[in-house]
């Protein structure tokens, strides 16, 4: 990453490999920044009390959760500055990601004794669970490139990695 005065952490590449995104904490304020891979000055994309964030698979959008009135709200914006920012009424716990097709955001959230992965379509509708563990907590997760296998880092009672294989269905839901 090019040298910057912005205390960068949590780097992520844009899909085309030409831009690096990172989180920055300066003067107590979180920001999501971008910088060309070849070098240059970082640009601020968004700032605030950012909890988690993710770049879409096609590299065109940013989803981020920011705290407002004690609860996180997820916003999605186009990285080229076009359109308006959209708001999703979900409260991710510790992780936010995109579905492999880029049409939904995924997040982990606590319910009862477990923390599972949930999916919320950008087109609307209710969020639905992708995983359905009855106990334990999912902390991080990632899809395989073919979108058939979900790897989760799960705590029950100790940490382990679990591979879940899914068959996509015609109705856009998942079948384990």
Protein backbone atom coordinates (compact mmCIF):
# COMPACT_ATOMS: atom_id res chain seq x y z
CA UNK A 1 0.00 0.00 0.00
CA UNK A 2 1.36 3.45 -0.77
CA UNK A 3 2.58 5.48 2.19
CA UNK A 4 -0.18 7.49 3.82
CA UNK A 5 -0.64 9.59 6.94
CA UNK A 6 -4.07 8.07 7.55
CA UNK A 7 -3.28 5.12 9.92
CA UNK A 8 -4.67 2.51 7.51
CA UNK A 9 -6.06 -0.86 8.59
CA UNK A 10 -8.44 -3.51 7.18
CA UNK A 11 -7.35 -3.13 3.52
CA UNK A 12 -9.46 -4.50 0.65
CA UNK A 13 -8.89 -4.44 -3.11
CA UNK A 14 -11.43 -3.38 -5.69
CA UNK A 15 -12.30 -6.24 -8.05
CA UNK A 16 -10.14 -4.76 -10.83
CA UNK A 17 -7.10 -4.62 -8.51
CA UNK A 18 -6.50 -0.93 -9.25
CA UNK A 19 -7.84 0.57 -6.01
CA UNK A 20 -7.21 -0.23 -2.36
CA UNK A 21 -9.86 0.59 0.22
CA UNK A 22 -9.02 0.82 3.89
CA UNK A 23 -10.37 1.99 7.18
CA UNK A 24 -8.67 4.92 8.87
CA UNK A 25 -8.93 6.32 12.36
CA UNK A 26 -7.84 9.92 12.63
CA UNK A 27 -8.64 12.22 15.53
CA UNK A 28 -11.11 9.64 16.85
CA UNK A 29 -13.16 9.54 13.63
CA UNK A 30 -13.47 6.41 11.48
CA UNK A 31 -13.30 6.81 7.71
CA UNK A 32 -13.34 4.52 4.71
CA UNK A 33 -10.68 5.72 2.31
CA UNK A 34 -9.51 4.73 -1.16
CA UNK A 35 -6.13 5.08 -2.81
CA UNK A 36 -4.97 4.03 -6.28
CA UNK A 37 -2.79 0.91 -6.17
CA UNK A 38 -0.13 2.74 -8.20
CA UNK A 39 0.03 5.50 -5.58
CA UNK A 40 -1.46 8.89 -4.96
CA UNK A 41 -3.39 10.70 -2.29
CA UNK A 42 -6.08 8.82 -0.37
CA UNK A 43 -9.68 9.97 -0.83
CA UNK A 44 -12.32 9.78 1.88
CA UNK A 45 -15.45 7.91 0.85
CA UNK A 46 -17.43 8.06 4.08
CA UNK A 47 -16.80 8.86 7.75
CA UNK A 48 -18.60 8.38 11.02
CA UNK A 49 -18.87 5.75 13.71
CA UNK A 50 -18.23 2.85 11.31
CA UNK A 51 -18.62 -0.62 12.78
CA UNK A 52 -18.08 -2.92 9.76
CA UNK A 53 -17.84 -2.49 5.97
CA UNK A 54 -17.43 -4.46 2.73
CA UNK A 55 -16.80 -3.79 -0.97
CA UNK A 56 -19.21 -5.55 -3.38
CA UNK A 57 -17.88 -8.45 -5.49
CA UNK A 58 -17.94 -6.29 -8.63
CA UNK A 59 -16.10 -3.49 -6.81
CA UNK A 60 -18.80 -0.91 -7.54
CA UNK A 61 -20.53 -0.51 -4.17
CA UNK A 62 -19.71 -0.12 -0.50
CA UNK A 63 -21.88 -1.47 2.32
CA UNK A 64 -21.09 -0.15 5.77
CA UNK A 65 -22.69 -0.17 9.20
CA UNK A 66 -22.57 2.98 11.26
CA UNK A 67 -23.96 3.49 14.73
CA UNK A 68 -26.86 5.82 15.21
CA UNK A 69 -28.72 5.99 18.51
CA UNK A 70 -26.91 2.91 19.83
CA UNK A 71 -27.90 0.65 16.94
CA UNK A 72 -26.04 0.00 13.71
CA UNK A 73 -27.71 0.80 10.40
CA UNK A 74 -26.32 -0.45 7.09
CA UNK A 75 -25.94 1.92 4.17
CA UNK A 76 -25.04 1.00 0.59
CA UNK A 77 -23.54 3.53 -1.78
CA UNK A 78 -22.12 3.51 -5.30
CA UNK A 79 -18.37 4.07 -5.22
CA UNK A 80 -18.47 6.20 -8.37
CA UNK A 81 -20.65 8.73 -6.53
CA UNK A 82 -23.74 8.15 -8.68
CA UNK A 83 -27.20 7.61 -7.26
CA UNK A 84 -28.21 8.04 -3.66
CA UNK A 85 -27.21 6.11 -0.60
CA UNK A 86 -29.69 3.38 0.35
CA UNK A 87 -30.42 2.29 3.91
CA UNK A 88 -31.04 -1.26 5.12
CA UNK A 89 -32.69 -1.81 8.46
CA UNK A 90 -30.39 -4.53 9.74
CA UNK A 91 -28.04 -4.57 12.71
CA UNK A 92 -24.88 -6.58 11.99
CA UNK A 93 -23.02 -7.77 15.05
CA UNK A 94 -19.35 -8.08 14.08
CA UNK A 95 -19.18 -8.82 10.36
CA UNK A 96 -20.71 -7.62 7.10
CA UNK A 97 -20.21 -9.10 3.64
CA UNK A 98 -21.85 -9.40 0.24
CA UNK A 99 -23.62 -12.38 -1.26
CA UNK A 100 -21.56 -13.87 -4.09
CA UNK A 101 -23.91 -12.39 -6.72
CA UNK A 102 -23.73 -8.88 -5.18
CA UNK A 103 -27.53 -8.62 -4.88
CA UNK A 104 -27.65 -8.92 -1.09
CA UNK A 105 -25.63 -8.11 1.98
CA UNK A 106 -24.90 -10.74 4.59
CA UNK A 107 -24.21 -10.23 8.25
CA UNK A 108 -23.99 -12.10 11.52
CA UNK A 109 -26.42 -11.35 14.29
CA UNK A 110 -27.25 -12.74 17.71
CA UNK A 111 -30.54 -14.47 18.42
CA UNK A 112 -31.17 -16.56 21.51
CA UNK A 113 -28.07 -18.68 22.20
CA UNK A 114 -26.59 -18.51 18.71
CA UNK A 115 -25.10 -16.11 16.21
CA UNK A 116 -25.91 -16.98 12.58
CA UNK A 117 -25.37 -15.58 9.09
CA UNK A 118 -28.35 -13.68 7.65
CA UNK A 119 -28.99 -12.31 4.15
CA UNK A 120 -30.87 -9.13 3.20
CA UNK A 121 -31.68 -8.41 -0.45
CA UNK A 122 -30.97 -4.92 -1.76
CA UNK A 123 -34.28 -5.21 -3.66
CA UNK A 124 -36.23 -5.33 -0.40
CA UNK A 125 -38.03 -7.91 1.67
CA UNK A 126 -37.11 -9.39 5.02
CA UNK A 127 -33.70 -10.70 5.95
CA UNK A 128 -33.52 -14.49 6.21
CA UNK A 129 -31.06 -16.87 7.88
CA UNK A 130 -28.39 -18.49 5.72
CA UNK A 131 -27.23 -20.68 8.61
CA UNK A 132 -29.34 -22.12 11.39
CA UNK A 133 -27.07 -23.19 14.22
CA UNK A 134 -28.93 -23.64 17.50
CA UNK A 135 -25.90 -22.72 19.58
CA UNK A 136 -22.46 -21.23 19.16
CA UNK A 137 -21.49 -18.02 17.46
CA UNK A 138 -20.34 -17.32 13.93
CA UNK A 139 -17.71 -14.58 13.95
CA UNK A 140 -16.52 -14.48 10.31
CA UNK A 141 -17.59 -16.12 7.07
CA UNK A 142 -16.66 -16.25 3.39
CA UNK A 143 -18.10 -17.81 0.23
CA UNK A 144 -16.14 -19.87 -2.28
CA UNK A 145 -15.79 -18.36 -5.76
CA UNK A 146 -18.44 -20.76 -7.15
CA UNK A 147 -20.87 -19.67 -4.37
CA UNK A 148 -21.55 -23.25 -3.28
CA UNK A 149 -19.48 -23.42 -0.10
CA UNK A 150 -19.65 -21.11 2.88
CA UNK A 151 -16.78 -21.21 5.37
CA UNK A 152 -17.62 -19.96 8.84
CA UNK A 153 -15.43 -19.34 11.86
CA UNK A 154 -17.59 -20.53 14.70
CA UNK A 155 -17.16 -20.52 18.46
CA UNK A 156 -18.76 -23.54 20.15
CA UNK A 157 -17.29 -23.90 22.73
CA UNK A 158 -13.87 -23.28 21.15
CA UNK A 159 -13.16 -21.80 17.72
CA UNK A 160 -13.30 -23.99 14.63
CA UNK A 161 -13.72 -23.57 10.89
CA UNK A 162 -16.81 -25.18 9.38
CA UNK A 163 -17.51 -25.72 5.68
CA UNK A 164 -21.16 -25.67 4.61
CA UNK A 165 -22.16 -26.68 1.08
CA UNK A 166 -25.24 -25.09 -0.50
CA UNK A 167 -27.29 -25.67 -3.60
CA UNK A 168 -28.75 -22.45 -5.00
CA UNK A 169 -32.49 -22.72 -5.72
CA UNK A 170 -34.58 -21.00 -8.36
CA UNK A 171 -36.41 -18.94 -5.74
CA UNK A 172 -33.14 -17.22 -4.67
CA UNK A 173 -33.04 -19.05 -1.35
CA UNK A 174 -30.38 -21.51 -0.34
CA UNK A 175 -30.69 -25.20 0.37
CA UNK A 176 -28.00 -26.70 2.65
